[in-house]
Amino acid sequence: MVPLPPNVNITGEEAETIAYALLVSSTRIAAEETNVTQEDGEYFNIFREHLQNEDLVLRTWLLPSEQFKTQYVSPVVAEYYKNLKMPKKIWLTEISIPELFCQARLRLGEVIIDPTASKARTCFLAIHLPGCMMTRNVDTEELDFFEVVNDKPFKHVMR
């Protein structure tokens, strides 16, 4: 156990619950809004199958957003996160499947939650799924959808 900073309104357990709900609701939207390529579509379909079977591996932890942006993102999505406004600390929920997480120590994507948000519906910052990404502009509340080309599983954060 570690103490949370005083301005954290969303606990880790709540962040993971929110992340899972966002994964369920956003998977269909992501598939419709982006054109996931055939190669990246393979991992997206594997992700969807595990989501449907309810056996995703989710791991949530609090970390500095700058550390996340510079050390814990795959090179193909680093540019999408570079200019995304984030608070000093974020909840990172890594998304994986049992065979990738346990054997190869890889993840498929992540959900980023603002721990300082006062309401669950406004805490979402970004979702990175295999081959696609959604971000929320905190100033305008607009959602942006991106296709992520050559998006392969990448190392999960060691701790």
N, C-alpha and C. Protein backbone atom coordinates (compact mmCIF):
# COMPACT_ATOMS: atom_id res chain seq x y z
N MET A 1 0.83 -1.18 0.00
CA MET A 1 0.00 0.00 0.00
C MET A 1 0.87 1.24 0.00
N VAL A 2 0.43 2.22 -0.78
CA VAL A 2 1.09 3.52 -0.79
C VAL A 2 0.02 4.59 -0.67
N PRO A 3 0.32 5.68 -0.02
CA PRO A 3 -0.68 6.76 0.08
C PRO A 3 -0.87 7.44 -1.27
N LEU A 4 -2.09 7.85 -1.55
CA LEU A 4 -2.39 8.57 -2.79
C LEU A 4 -2.21 10.07 -2.56
N PRO A 5 -1.86 10.80 -3.62
CA PRO A 5 -1.81 12.26 -3.49
C PRO A 5 -3.17 12.80 -3.08
N PRO A 6 -3.22 13.96 -2.45
CA PRO A 6 -4.49 14.47 -1.92
C PRO A 6 -5.54 14.80 -2.98
N ASN A 7 -5.16 15.09 -4.22
CA ASN A 7 -6.15 15.49 -5.22
C ASN A 7 -6.67 14.32 -6.06
N VAL A 8 -6.43 13.08 -5.64
CA VAL A 8 -6.94 11.91 -6.37
C VAL A 8 -8.38 11.65 -5.94
N ASN A 9 -9.29 11.74 -6.92
CA ASN A 9 -10.71 11.52 -6.66
C ASN A 9 -11.17 10.13 -7.08
N ILE A 10 -10.38 9.47 -7.93
CA ILE A 10 -10.73 8.15 -8.44
C ILE A 10 -9.65 7.17 -7.97
N THR A 11 -10.08 6.13 -7.27
CA THR A 11 -9.13 5.14 -6.77
C THR A 11 -8.69 4.21 -7.90
N GLY A 12 -7.66 3.44 -7.64
CA GLY A 12 -7.18 2.48 -8.62
C GLY A 12 -8.23 1.44 -8.98
N GLU A 13 -8.95 0.97 -7.98
CA GLU A 13 -10.01 0.00 -8.22
C GLU A 13 -11.11 0.61 -9.10
N GLU A 14 -11.49 1.84 -8.82
CA GLU A 14 -12.49 2.52 -9.64
C GLU A 14 -11.96 2.74 -11.05
N ALA A 15 -10.69 3.11 -11.17
CA ALA A 15 -10.09 3.35 -12.49
C ALA A 15 -10.12 2.08 -13.33
N GLU A 16 -9.82 0.95 -12.73
CA GLU A 16 -9.84 -0.30 -13.49
C GLU A 16 -11.26 -0.69 -13.90
N THR A 17 -12.22 -0.46 -13.02
CA THR A 17 -13.62 -0.73 -13.35
C THR A 17 -14.08 0.18 -14.49
N ILE A 18 -13.71 1.45 -14.44
CA ILE A 18 -14.05 2.39 -15.50
C ILE A 18 -13.36 1.98 -16.80
N ALA A 19 -12.09 1.59 -16.71
CA ALA A 19 -11.34 1.17 -17.90
C ALA A 19 -12.03 0.00 -18.58
N TYR A 20 -12.46 -0.97 -17.80
CA TYR A 20 -13.14 -2.13 -18.39
C TYR A 20 -14.45 -1.72 -19.06
N ALA A 21 -15.22 -0.88 -18.41
CA ALA A 21 -16.48 -0.40 -19.00
C ALA A 21 -16.20 0.37 -20.29
N LEU A 22 -15.14 1.17 -20.30
CA LEU A 22 -14.77 1.90 -21.52
C LEU A 22 -14.36 0.95 -22.63
N LEU A 23 -13.64 -0.11 -22.29
CA LEU A 23 -13.25 -1.09 -23.30
C LEU A 23 -14.47 -1.74 -23.94
N VAL A 24 -15.43 -2.10 -23.12
CA VAL A 24 -16.64 -2.74 -23.63
C VAL A 24 -17.39 -1.78 -24.56
N SER A 25 -17.56 -0.54 -24.13
CA SER A 25 -18.35 0.40 -24.93
C SER A 25 -17.60 0.98 -26.12
N SER A 26 -16.28 1.07 -26.04
CA SER A 26 -15.54 1.74 -27.10
C SER A 26 -15.05 0.81 -28.20
N THR A 27 -15.06 -0.50 -27.98
CA THR A 27 -14.54 -1.43 -28.98
C THR A 27 -15.33 -1.33 -30.29
N ARG A 28 -16.64 -1.29 -30.19
CA ARG A 28 -17.46 -1.17 -31.39
C ARG A 28 -17.23 0.16 -32.08
N ILE A 29 -17.18 1.22 -31.30
CA ILE A 29 -16.96 2.56 -31.85
C ILE A 29 -15.61 2.63 -32.55
N ALA A 30 -14.58 2.08 -31.93
CA ALA A 30 -13.24 2.10 -32.51
C ALA A 30 -13.21 1.36 -33.84
N ALA A 31 -13.88 0.23 -33.91
CA ALA A 31 -13.91 -0.55 -35.15
C ALA A 31 -14.64 0.22 -36.26
N GLU A 32 -15.66 0.98 -35.89
CA GLU A 32 -16.42 1.75 -36.88
C GLU A 32 -15.69 3.03 -37.31
N GLU A 33 -15.04 3.69 -36.38
CA GLU A 33 -14.43 5.00 -36.66
C GLU A 33 -13.05 4.93 -37.29
N THR A 34 -12.37 3.81 -37.15
CA THR A 34 -11.03 3.67 -37.72
C THR A 34 -11.04 2.54 -38.73
N ASN A 35 -10.06 2.56 -39.59
CA ASN A 35 -9.92 1.51 -40.60
C ASN A 35 -8.73 0.65 -40.22
N VAL A 36 -8.94 -0.27 -39.30
CA VAL A 36 -7.85 -1.11 -38.83
C VAL A 36 -7.39 -2.00 -39.98
N THR A 37 -6.08 -1.97 -40.27
CA THR A 37 -5.55 -2.74 -41.39
C THR A 37 -5.64 -4.24 -41.10
N GLN A 38 -5.48 -5.04 -42.14
CA GLN A 38 -5.56 -6.49 -42.00
C GLN A 38 -4.57 -7.01 -40.96
N GLU A 39 -3.32 -6.55 -41.02
CA GLU A 39 -2.30 -7.02 -40.10
C GLU A 39 -2.63 -6.61 -38.66
N ASP A 40 -2.97 -5.35 -38.46
CA ASP A 40 -3.32 -4.89 -37.12
C ASP A 40 -4.67 -5.45 -36.69
N GLY A 41 -5.52 -5.74 -37.66
CA GLY A 41 -6.83 -6.30 -37.37
C GLY A 41 -6.75 -7.64 -36.67
N GLU A 42 -5.68 -8.40 -36.92
CA GLU A 42 -5.50 -9.69 -36.26
C GLU A 42 -5.45 -9.51 -34.74
N TYR A 43 -4.65 -8.56 -34.28
CA TYR A 43 -4.55 -8.32 -32.84
C TYR A 43 -5.83 -7.71 -32.29
N PHE A 44 -6.50 -6.87 -33.09
CA PHE A 44 -7.76 -6.29 -32.65
C PHE A 44 -8.80 -7.39 -32.47
N ASN A 45 -8.84 -8.33 -33.40
CA ASN A 45 -9.80 -9.43 -33.30
C ASN A 45 -9.48 -10.34 -32.11
N ILE A 46 -8.19 -10.58 -31.85
CA ILE A 46 -7.79 -11.36 -30.67
C ILE A 46 -8.24 -10.64 -29.40
N PHE A 47 -8.01 -9.32 -29.36
CA PHE A 47 -8.45 -8.52 -28.21
C PHE A 47 -9.96 -8.66 -28.02
N ARG A 48 -10.73 -8.48 -29.10
CA ARG A 48 -12.20 -8.57 -29.00
C ARG A 48 -12.66 -9.94 -28.52
N GLU A 49 -11.99 -10.99 -28.98
CA GLU A 49 -12.35 -12.34 -28.56
C GLU A 49 -12.14 -12.51 -27.05
N HIS A 50 -11.02 -12.01 -26.55
CA HIS A 50 -10.75 -12.11 -25.12
C HIS A 50 -11.67 -11.20 -24.30
N LEU A 51 -12.02 -10.06 -24.85
CA LEU A 51 -12.97 -9.17 -24.18
C LEU A 51 -14.32 -9.88 -24.05
N GLN A 52 -14.75 -10.51 -25.12
CA GLN A 52 -16.02 -11.24 -25.11
C GLN A 52 -15.97 -12.42 -24.14
N ASN A 53 -14.82 -13.08 -24.05
CA ASN A 53 -14.67 -14.22 -23.13
C ASN A 53 -14.40 -13.78 -21.70
N GLU A 54 -14.26 -12.48 -21.50
CA GLU A 54 -14.01 -11.88 -20.18
C GLU A 54 -12.74 -12.43 -19.52
N ASP A 55 -11.68 -12.61 -20.33
CA ASP A 55 -10.42 -13.08 -19.75
C ASP A 55 -9.24 -12.17 -20.13
N LEU A 56 -9.53 -10.89 -20.28
CA LEU A 56 -8.45 -9.93 -20.48
C LEU A 56 -7.63 -9.81 -19.20
N VAL A 57 -6.37 -9.47 -19.37
CA VAL A 57 -5.53 -9.17 -18.21
C VAL A 57 -5.45 -7.64 -18.13
N LEU A 58 -5.96 -7.08 -17.04
CA LEU A 58 -5.91 -5.63 -16.81
C LEU A 58 -5.05 -5.38 -15.58
N ARG A 59 -4.16 -4.42 -15.69
CA ARG A 59 -3.29 -4.08 -14.56
C ARG A 59 -3.23 -2.56 -14.48
N THR A 60 -3.66 -2.02 -13.35
CA THR A 60 -3.79 -0.57 -13.18
C THR A 60 -2.82 -0.07 -12.13
N TRP A 61 -2.18 1.05 -12.43
CA TRP A 61 -1.32 1.70 -11.45
C TRP A 61 -1.16 3.17 -11.75
N LEU A 62 -0.85 3.92 -10.72
CA LEU A 62 -0.71 5.38 -10.79
C LEU A 62 0.75 5.71 -11.09
N LEU A 63 0.95 6.61 -12.06
CA LEU A 63 2.32 7.03 -12.38
C LEU A 63 2.30 8.43 -12.96
N PRO A 64 3.46 9.10 -12.96
CA PRO A 64 3.55 10.44 -13.55
C PRO A 64 3.29 10.38 -15.06
N SER A 65 2.49 11.30 -15.55
CA SER A 65 2.16 11.28 -16.98
C SER A 65 3.38 11.48 -17.87
N GLU A 66 4.31 12.32 -17.45
CA GLU A 66 5.52 12.53 -18.27
C GLU A 66 6.36 11.27 -18.35
N GLN A 67 6.42 10.54 -17.25
CA GLN A 67 7.15 9.27 -17.26
C GLN A 67 6.47 8.29 -18.21
N PHE A 68 5.14 8.24 -18.18
CA PHE A 68 4.41 7.38 -19.11
C PHE A 68 4.73 7.76 -20.54
N LYS A 69 4.62 9.05 -20.87
CA LYS A 69 4.82 9.51 -22.24
C LYS A 69 6.23 9.24 -22.76
N THR A 70 7.21 9.30 -21.89
CA THR A 70 8.60 9.17 -22.34
C THR A 70 9.17 7.76 -22.20
N GLN A 71 8.61 6.96 -21.29
CA GLN A 71 9.22 5.65 -21.04
C GLN A 71 8.33 4.45 -21.30
N TYR A 72 7.01 4.62 -21.24
CA TYR A 72 6.14 3.45 -21.21
C TYR A 72 5.17 3.33 -22.38
N VAL A 73 5.43 3.99 -23.48
CA VAL A 73 4.57 3.84 -24.65
C VAL A 73 5.35 3.22 -25.78
N SER A 74 4.66 2.51 -26.64
CA SER A 74 5.33 1.94 -27.81
C SER A 74 5.66 3.09 -28.77
N PRO A 75 6.71 2.95 -29.55
CA PRO A 75 7.10 4.02 -30.47
C PRO A 75 6.00 4.42 -31.46
N VAL A 76 5.15 3.49 -31.86
CA VAL A 76 4.13 3.83 -32.85
C VAL A 76 2.99 4.68 -32.29
N VAL A 77 2.82 4.71 -30.96
CA VAL A 77 1.77 5.55 -30.38
C VAL A 77 2.32 6.76 -29.62
N ALA A 78 3.63 6.85 -29.50
CA ALA A 78 4.24 7.96 -28.74
C ALA A 78 3.80 9.32 -29.27
N GLU A 79 3.69 9.46 -30.57
CA GLU A 79 3.32 10.74 -31.18
C GLU A 79 1.89 11.15 -30.80
N TYR A 80 0.99 10.18 -30.65
CA TYR A 80 -0.39 10.49 -30.28
C TYR A 80 -0.49 11.01 -28.84
N TYR A 81 0.39 10.50 -27.99
CA TYR A 81 0.39 10.92 -26.59
C TYR A 81 1.18 12.20 -26.35
N LYS A 82 2.10 12.49 -27.22
CA LYS A 82 3.04 13.60 -27.02
C LYS A 82 2.34 14.91 -26.65
N ASN A 83 1.31 15.29 -27.37
CA ASN A 83 0.64 16.58 -27.14
C ASN A 83 -0.70 16.45 -26.42
N LEU A 84 -1.03 15.26 -25.97
CA LEU A 84 -2.29 15.07 -25.25
C LEU A 84 -2.16 15.63 -23.84
N LYS A 85 -3.06 16.53 -23.47
CA LYS A 85 -3.04 17.12 -22.13
C LYS A 85 -3.39 16.05 -21.10
N MET A 86 -2.55 15.97 -20.09
CA MET A 86 -2.77 15.03 -19.00
C MET A 86 -2.40 15.71 -17.69
N PRO A 87 -3.03 15.29 -16.59
CA PRO A 87 -2.61 15.82 -15.28
C PRO A 87 -1.24 15.25 -14.93
N LYS A 88 -0.67 15.70 -13.84
CA LYS A 88 0.67 15.23 -13.45
C LYS A 88 0.72 13.73 -13.22
N LYS A 89 -0.35 13.18 -12.67
CA LYS A 89 -0.42 11.73 -12.43
C LYS A 89 -1.60 11.17 -13.23
N ILE A 90 -1.44 9.95 -13.69
CA ILE A 90 -2.51 9.26 -14.43
C ILE A 90 -2.67 7.85 -13.90
N TRP A 91 -3.86 7.30 -14.10
CA TRP A 91 -4.06 5.88 -13.91
C TRP A 91 -3.82 5.23 -15.26
N LEU A 92 -2.89 4.30 -15.31
CA LEU A 92 -2.60 3.52 -16.50
C LEU A 92 -3.16 2.13 -16.29
N THR A 93 -4.08 1.70 -17.14
CA THR A 93 -4.57 0.33 -17.12
C THR A 93 -4.03 -0.35 -18.36
N GLU A 94 -3.09 -1.25 -18.14
CA GLU A 94 -2.53 -2.01 -19.25
C GLU A 94 -3.52 -3.10 -19.66
N ILE A 95 -3.61 -3.35 -20.97
CA ILE A 95 -4.51 -4.36 -21.51
C ILE A 95 -3.66 -5.46 -22.14
N SER A 96 -3.92 -6.69 -21.71
CA SER A 96 -3.21 -7.82 -22.31
C SER A 96 -4.12 -9.03 -22.28
N ILE A 97 -3.59 -10.14 -22.75
CA ILE A 97 -4.28 -11.42 -22.70
C ILE A 97 -3.35 -12.40 -22.00
N PRO A 98 -3.88 -13.45 -21.38
CA PRO A 98 -3.04 -14.33 -20.56
C PRO A 98 -1.78 -14.84 -21.26
N GLU A 99 -1.90 -15.32 -22.49
CA GLU A 99 -0.74 -15.90 -23.16
C GLU A 99 0.34 -14.87 -23.50
N LEU A 100 -0.04 -13.63 -23.73
CA LEU A 100 0.97 -12.59 -23.99
C LEU A 100 1.55 -12.04 -22.70
N PHE A 101 0.72 -11.82 -21.71
CA PHE A 101 1.17 -11.20 -20.47
C PHE A 101 2.10 -12.12 -19.68
N CYS A 102 1.71 -13.37 -19.54
CA CYS A 102 2.48 -14.30 -18.70
C CYS A 102 3.74 -14.82 -19.39
N GLN A 103 3.65 -15.13 -20.67
CA GLN A 103 4.77 -15.77 -21.35
C GLN A 103 5.73 -14.76 -21.97
N ALA A 104 5.21 -13.81 -22.70
CA ALA A 104 6.07 -12.87 -23.43
C ALA A 104 6.19 -11.51 -22.74
N ARG A 105 5.41 -11.28 -21.68
CA ARG A 105 5.39 -10.00 -20.96
C ARG A 105 5.07 -8.83 -21.91
N LEU A 106 4.01 -9.04 -22.69
CA LEU A 106 3.58 -8.02 -23.65
C LEU A 106 2.18 -7.55 -23.34
N ARG A 107 1.87 -6.36 -23.80
CA ARG A 107 0.51 -5.82 -23.68
C ARG A 107 0.03 -5.39 -25.06
N LEU A 108 -1.29 -5.33 -25.19
CA LEU A 108 -1.90 -4.94 -26.45
C LEU A 108 -2.20 -3.45 -26.52
N GLY A 109 -2.40 -2.82 -25.39
CA GLY A 109 -2.75 -1.40 -25.36
C GLY A 109 -2.94 -0.94 -23.94
N GLU A 110 -3.65 0.18 -23.81
CA GLU A 110 -3.87 0.75 -22.49
C GLU A 110 -5.05 1.70 -22.48
N VAL A 111 -5.52 1.96 -21.26
CA VAL A 111 -6.54 2.98 -21.02
C VAL A 111 -5.92 3.97 -20.04
N ILE A 112 -6.07 5.26 -20.34
CA ILE A 112 -5.53 6.31 -19.48
C ILE A 112 -6.70 7.05 -18.84
N ILE A 113 -6.65 7.14 -17.50
CA ILE A 113 -7.71 7.77 -16.71
C ILE A 113 -7.10 8.93 -15.93
N ASP A 114 -7.84 10.03 -15.84
CA ASP A 114 -7.44 11.19 -15.04
C ASP A 114 -7.89 10.95 -13.60
N PRO A 115 -6.96 10.74 -12.67
CA PRO A 115 -7.36 10.47 -11.28
C PRO A 115 -7.93 11.68 -10.56
N THR A 116 -7.74 12.87 -11.13
CA THR A 116 -8.23 14.09 -10.47
C THR A 116 -9.62 14.49 -10.94
N ALA A 117 -10.18 13.76 -11.90
CA ALA A 117 -11.52 14.09 -12.40
C ALA A 117 -12.55 13.89 -11.29
N SER A 118 -13.57 14.73 -11.32
CA SER A 118 -14.59 14.63 -10.27
C SER A 118 -15.71 13.66 -10.63
N LYS A 119 -15.84 13.32 -11.91
CA LYS A 119 -16.89 12.40 -12.34
C LYS A 119 -16.30 11.33 -13.23
N ALA A 120 -16.84 10.13 -13.13
CA ALA A 120 -16.33 9.01 -13.91
C ALA A 120 -16.43 9.25 -15.41
N ARG A 121 -17.48 9.92 -15.85
CA ARG A 121 -17.65 10.10 -17.30
C ARG A 121 -16.67 11.11 -17.89
N THR A 122 -16.06 11.94 -17.09
CA THR A 122 -15.09 12.91 -17.61
C THR A 122 -13.65 12.54 -17.30
N CYS A 123 -13.41 11.34 -16.83
CA CYS A 123 -12.05 10.96 -16.44
C CYS A 123 -11.26 10.31 -17.57
N PHE A 124 -11.94 9.86 -18.62
CA PHE A 124 -11.27 9.19 -19.72
C PHE A 124 -10.37 10.16 -20.49
N LEU A 125 -9.12 9.77 -20.71
CA LEU A 125 -8.18 10.58 -21.50
C LEU A 125 -7.82 9.90 -22.82
N ALA A 126 -7.57 8.59 -22.78
CA ALA A 126 -7.18 7.89 -24.01
C ALA A 126 -7.40 6.39 -23.86
N ILE A 127 -7.68 5.77 -25.00
CA ILE A 127 -7.74 4.32 -25.09
C ILE A 127 -6.93 3.92 -26.31
N HIS A 128 -5.98 3.05 -26.10
CA HIS A 128 -5.18 2.50 -27.19
C HIS A 128 -5.50 1.02 -27.28
N LEU A 129 -6.13 0.62 -28.38
CA LEU A 129 -6.43 -0.77 -28.67
C LEU A 129 -5.56 -1.18 -29.85
N PRO A 130 -5.40 -2.46 -30.11
CA PRO A 130 -4.55 -2.87 -31.24
C PRO A 130 -5.03 -2.26 -32.56
N GLY A 131 -4.18 -1.44 -33.16
CA GLY A 131 -4.48 -0.84 -34.46
C GLY A 131 -5.27 0.44 -34.43
N CYS A 132 -5.70 0.89 -33.27
CA CYS A 132 -6.49 2.12 -33.21
C CYS A 132 -6.35 2.79 -31.86
N MET A 133 -6.76 4.05 -31.84
CA MET A 133 -6.64 4.84 -30.62
C MET A 133 -7.74 5.89 -30.58
N MET A 134 -8.23 6.18 -29.37
CA MET A 134 -9.19 7.25 -29.15
C MET A 134 -8.64 8.14 -28.06
N THR A 135 -8.74 9.44 -28.27
CA THR A 135 -8.32 10.39 -27.24
C THR A 135 -9.44 11.39 -27.02
N ARG A 136 -9.46 11.97 -25.81
CA ARG A 136 -10.45 13.00 -25.48
C ARG A 136 -9.72 14.30 -25.22
N ASN A 137 -10.12 15.33 -25.93
CA ASN A 137 -9.57 16.66 -25.70
C ASN A 137 -10.23 17.22 -24.45
N VAL A 138 -9.44 17.48 -23.42
CA VAL A 138 -10.01 17.92 -22.14
C VAL A 138 -10.59 19.33 -22.20
N ASP A 139 -10.18 20.13 -23.20
CA ASP A 139 -10.70 21.49 -23.32
C ASP A 139 -12.04 21.53 -24.06
N THR A 140 -12.17 20.71 -25.11
CA THR A 140 -13.38 20.75 -25.94
C THR A 140 -14.30 19.56 -25.73
N GLU A 141 -13.82 18.54 -25.02
CA GLU A 141 -14.56 17.29 -24.81
C GLU A 141 -14.76 16.50 -26.10
N GLU A 142 -14.08 16.86 -27.18
CA GLU A 142 -14.20 16.14 -28.44
C GLU A 142 -13.36 14.87 -28.41
N LEU A 143 -13.88 13.83 -29.06
CA LEU A 143 -13.14 12.58 -29.21
C LEU A 143 -12.46 12.56 -30.56
N ASP A 144 -11.23 12.09 -30.57
CA ASP A 144 -10.49 11.91 -31.82
C ASP A 144 -10.18 10.44 -31.97
N PHE A 145 -10.31 9.93 -33.19
CA PHE A 145 -10.05 8.53 -33.50
C PHE A 145 -8.89 8.45 -34.48
N PHE A 146 -7.98 7.51 -34.23
CA PHE A 146 -6.81 7.36 -35.08
C PHE A 146 -6.59 5.89 -35.41
N GLU A 147 -6.19 5.64 -36.64
CA GLU A 147 -5.71 4.30 -36.99
C GLU A 147 -4.23 4.28 -36.66
N VAL A 148 -3.77 3.24 -36.01
CA VAL A 148 -2.36 3.10 -35.65
C VAL A 148 -1.78 1.96 -36.49
N VAL A 149 -0.93 2.33 -37.43
CA VAL A 149 -0.36 1.37 -38.38
C VAL A 149 0.83 0.65 -37.73
N ASN A 150 1.00 -0.61 -38.07
CA ASN A 150 2.09 -1.45 -37.55
C ASN A 150 2.09 -1.51 -36.02
N ASP A 151 0.91 -1.61 -35.45
CA ASP A 151 0.75 -1.63 -33.99
C ASP A 151 0.86 -3.07 -33.50
N LYS A 152 1.97 -3.38 -32.91
CA LYS A 152 2.24 -4.73 -32.40
C LYS A 152 2.20 -4.72 -30.87
N PRO A 153 1.99 -5.88 -30.26
CA PRO A 153 2.10 -5.93 -28.79
C PRO A 153 3.47 -5.44 -28.35
N PHE A 154 3.53 -4.78 -27.20
CA PHE A 154 4.78 -4.22 -26.72
C PHE A 154 4.92 -4.51 -25.23
N LYS A 155 6.12 -4.28 -24.72
CA LYS A 155 6.44 -4.63 -23.34
C LYS A 155 5.51 -3.97 -22.34
N HIS A 156 5.03 -4.77 -21.39
CA HIS A 156 4.27 -4.16 -20.31
C HIS A 156 5.27 -3.52 -19.35
N VAL A 157 4.79 -2.66 -18.52
CA VAL A 157 5.64 -1.93 -17.60
C VAL A 157 6.06 -2.86 -16.47
N MET A 158 7.34 -2.97 -16.29
CA MET A 158 7.87 -3.83 -15.21
C MET A 158 7.83 -3.04 -13.91
N ARG A 159 7.41 -3.69 -12.85
CA ARG A 159 7.45 -3.04 -11.54
C ARG A 159 7.68 -4.05 -10.47
